[in-house]
Amino acid sequence: MAEDTTLFRFHWPDGVTAEGRGLDVADALEKLGFGAEAAKTLVYYEVLQETPEDQARNEMIKDAYR
């Protein structure tokens, strides 16, 4: 899959999980056929694989707090 998207795992209230890729949560949900508003009904979501740019940014933020 394209490296310019992030892989998310979505956890729904009924116990069902789904995985999808997108630029952000709303984009990934829309690619799975849900509206962006569906994010409000999630129990939670996980980031399974970040884009290289996101990973570098997050490492810089962590380093700033060390």
N, C-alpha and C. Protein backbone atom coordinates (compact mmCIF):
# COMPACT_ATOMS: atom_id res chain seq x y z
N MET A 1 0.84 -1.18 0.00
CA MET A 1 0.00 0.00 0.00
C MET A 1 0.89 1.25 0.00
N ALA A 2 0.31 2.33 -0.33
CA ALA A 2 1.07 3.57 -0.40
C ALA A 2 1.63 3.95 0.96
N GLU A 3 2.85 4.43 0.96
CA GLU A 3 3.48 4.82 2.23
C GLU A 3 3.06 6.19 2.69
N ASP A 4 2.28 6.92 1.88
CA ASP A 4 1.86 8.25 2.29
C ASP A 4 0.55 8.22 3.05
N THR A 5 0.13 7.03 3.46
CA THR A 5 -1.07 6.90 4.29
C THR A 5 -0.71 6.14 5.56
N THR A 6 -1.56 6.29 6.56
CA THR A 6 -1.37 5.62 7.84
C THR A 6 -2.38 4.49 7.95
N LEU A 7 -1.95 3.39 8.53
CA LEU A 7 -2.84 2.24 8.76
C LEU A 7 -3.45 2.34 10.15
N PHE A 8 -4.78 2.31 10.22
CA PHE A 8 -5.52 2.41 11.47
C PHE A 8 -6.33 1.13 11.71
N ARG A 9 -6.55 0.81 12.98
CA ARG A 9 -7.49 -0.25 13.36
C ARG A 9 -8.59 0.43 14.18
N PHE A 10 -9.83 0.27 13.73
CA PHE A 10 -10.98 0.91 14.36
C PHE A 10 -11.73 -0.10 15.21
N HIS A 11 -12.11 0.31 16.41
CA HIS A 11 -12.86 -0.55 17.34
C HIS A 11 -14.24 0.07 17.56
N TRP A 12 -15.27 -0.68 17.18
CA TRP A 12 -16.66 -0.22 17.25
C TRP A 12 -17.33 -0.72 18.52
N PRO A 13 -18.39 -0.07 18.96
CA PRO A 13 -19.07 -0.46 20.21
C PRO A 13 -19.59 -1.90 20.21
N ASP A 14 -19.90 -2.46 19.05
CA ASP A 14 -20.43 -3.83 19.00
C ASP A 14 -19.33 -4.89 19.01
N GLY A 15 -18.08 -4.48 19.20
CA GLY A 15 -16.97 -5.42 19.28
C GLY A 15 -16.31 -5.71 17.94
N VAL A 16 -16.83 -5.18 16.87
CA VAL A 16 -16.26 -5.38 15.54
C VAL A 16 -15.06 -4.46 15.37
N THR A 17 -14.02 -4.97 14.70
CA THR A 17 -12.87 -4.14 14.36
C THR A 17 -12.73 -4.09 12.85
N ALA A 18 -12.13 -3.04 12.37
CA ALA A 18 -11.86 -2.87 10.94
C ALA A 18 -10.55 -2.13 10.80
N GLU A 19 -9.82 -2.43 9.74
CA GLU A 19 -8.57 -1.74 9.46
C GLU A 19 -8.69 -0.99 8.15
N GLY A 20 -8.08 0.18 8.10
CA GLY A 20 -8.10 0.97 6.88
C GLY A 20 -6.96 1.96 6.86
N ARG A 21 -6.62 2.38 5.66
CA ARG A 21 -5.55 3.35 5.47
C ARG A 21 -6.13 4.68 5.02
N GLY A 22 -5.47 5.75 5.45
CA GLY A 22 -5.88 7.09 5.04
C GLY A 22 -4.87 8.11 5.49
N LEU A 23 -5.10 9.34 5.03
CA LEU A 23 -4.24 10.44 5.45
C LEU A 23 -4.45 10.77 6.91
N ASP A 24 -5.68 10.54 7.40
CA ASP A 24 -6.04 10.70 8.80
C ASP A 24 -7.21 9.77 9.09
N VAL A 25 -7.75 9.81 10.29
CA VAL A 25 -8.83 8.92 10.69
C VAL A 25 -10.05 9.10 9.79
N ALA A 26 -10.45 10.35 9.56
CA ALA A 26 -11.63 10.62 8.73
C ALA A 26 -11.45 10.07 7.32
N ASP A 27 -10.28 10.25 6.75
CA ASP A 27 -10.01 9.77 5.40
C ASP A 27 -10.07 8.24 5.34
N ALA A 28 -9.47 7.58 6.33
CA ALA A 28 -9.49 6.12 6.36
C ALA A 28 -10.92 5.60 6.50
N LEU A 29 -11.72 6.23 7.36
CA LEU A 29 -13.11 5.81 7.52
C LEU A 29 -13.89 6.00 6.23
N GLU A 30 -13.67 7.11 5.55
CA GLU A 30 -14.37 7.36 4.29
C GLU A 30 -13.98 6.33 3.24
N LYS A 31 -12.72 5.93 3.20
CA LYS A 31 -12.28 4.91 2.25
C LYS A 31 -12.90 3.55 2.56
N LEU A 32 -13.27 3.33 3.82
CA LEU A 32 -13.95 2.09 4.21
C LEU A 32 -15.45 2.17 3.96
N GLY A 33 -15.93 3.32 3.53
CA GLY A 33 -17.35 3.48 3.22
C GLY A 33 -18.16 4.16 4.31
N PHE A 34 -17.50 4.66 5.33
CA PHE A 34 -18.18 5.37 6.42
C PHE A 34 -18.02 6.86 6.21
N GLY A 35 -18.92 7.64 6.75
CA GLY A 35 -18.75 9.08 6.75
C GLY A 35 -17.74 9.47 7.81
N ALA A 36 -17.17 10.65 7.65
CA ALA A 36 -16.19 11.14 8.64
C ALA A 36 -16.80 11.24 10.03
N GLU A 37 -18.12 11.44 10.10
CA GLU A 37 -18.81 11.53 11.39
C GLU A 37 -18.79 10.21 12.16
N ALA A 38 -18.51 9.11 11.47
CA ALA A 38 -18.47 7.80 12.13
C ALA A 38 -17.40 7.75 13.21
N ALA A 39 -16.39 8.61 13.12
CA ALA A 39 -15.32 8.63 14.13
C ALA A 39 -15.88 8.91 15.52
N LYS A 40 -16.99 9.63 15.60
CA LYS A 40 -17.59 9.96 16.89
C LYS A 40 -18.20 8.73 17.57
N THR A 41 -18.48 7.68 16.81
CA THR A 41 -19.10 6.50 17.38
C THR A 41 -18.09 5.41 17.74
N LEU A 42 -16.83 5.62 17.39
CA LEU A 42 -15.80 4.63 17.71
C LEU A 42 -15.57 4.54 19.21
N VAL A 43 -15.25 3.33 19.68
CA VAL A 43 -14.80 3.18 21.06
C VAL A 43 -13.39 3.75 21.14
N TYR A 44 -12.53 3.32 20.22
CA TYR A 44 -11.19 3.88 20.07
C TYR A 44 -10.60 3.39 18.77
N TYR A 45 -9.46 3.95 18.39
CA TYR A 45 -8.73 3.48 17.23
C TYR A 45 -7.26 3.39 17.57
N GLU A 46 -6.55 2.56 16.81
CA GLU A 46 -5.12 2.39 16.99
C GLU A 46 -4.40 2.81 15.71
N VAL A 47 -3.22 3.35 15.86
CA VAL A 47 -2.35 3.61 14.72
C VAL A 47 -1.43 2.40 14.61
N LEU A 48 -1.58 1.64 13.53
CA LEU A 48 -0.78 0.43 13.36
C LEU A 48 0.52 0.70 12.61
N GLN A 49 0.46 1.64 11.68
CA GLN A 49 1.66 1.95 10.91
C GLN A 49 1.59 3.41 10.48
N GLU A 50 2.55 4.18 10.92
CA GLU A 50 2.60 5.60 10.59
C GLU A 50 3.32 5.81 9.27
N THR A 51 3.03 6.93 8.66
CA THR A 51 3.83 7.32 7.50
C THR A 51 5.23 7.67 7.99
N PRO A 52 6.22 7.58 7.15
CA PRO A 52 7.58 7.95 7.59
C PRO A 52 7.64 9.38 8.12
N GLU A 53 6.88 10.29 7.51
CA GLU A 53 6.88 11.69 7.97
C GLU A 53 6.28 11.81 9.37
N ASP A 54 5.17 11.10 9.61
CA ASP A 54 4.56 11.12 10.93
C ASP A 54 5.49 10.54 11.98
N GLN A 55 6.12 9.45 11.63
CA GLN A 55 7.04 8.80 12.57
C GLN A 55 8.19 9.73 12.93
N ALA A 56 8.76 10.41 11.94
CA ALA A 56 9.87 11.35 12.20
C ALA A 56 9.39 12.51 13.07
N ARG A 57 8.21 13.05 12.79
CA ARG A 57 7.66 14.15 13.59
C ARG A 57 7.44 13.71 15.03
N ASN A 58 6.86 12.53 15.22
CA ASN A 58 6.59 12.04 16.57
C ASN A 58 7.88 11.79 17.35
N GLU A 59 8.91 11.31 16.68
CA GLU A 59 10.20 11.12 17.34
C GLU A 59 10.79 12.45 17.76
N MET A 60 10.65 13.49 16.93
CA MET A 60 11.15 14.82 17.29
C MET A 60 10.41 15.35 18.52
N ILE A 61 9.10 15.13 18.56
CA ILE A 61 8.31 15.59 19.72
C ILE A 61 8.74 14.86 20.97
N LYS A 62 8.93 13.54 20.88
CA LYS A 62 9.38 12.78 22.06
C LYS A 62 10.73 13.27 22.53
N ASP A 63 11.65 13.52 21.58
CA ASP A 63 12.99 13.99 21.94
C ASP A 63 12.96 15.34 22.63
N ALA A 64 12.01 16.19 22.23
CA ALA A 64 11.89 17.52 22.82
C ALA A 64 11.51 17.44 24.31
N TYR A 65 10.84 16.37 24.70
CA TYR A 65 10.40 16.23 26.09
C TYR A 65 11.33 15.40 26.94
N ARG A 66 12.43 14.95 26.38
CA ARG A 66 13.40 14.15 27.15
C ARG A 66 14.36 15.04 27.88
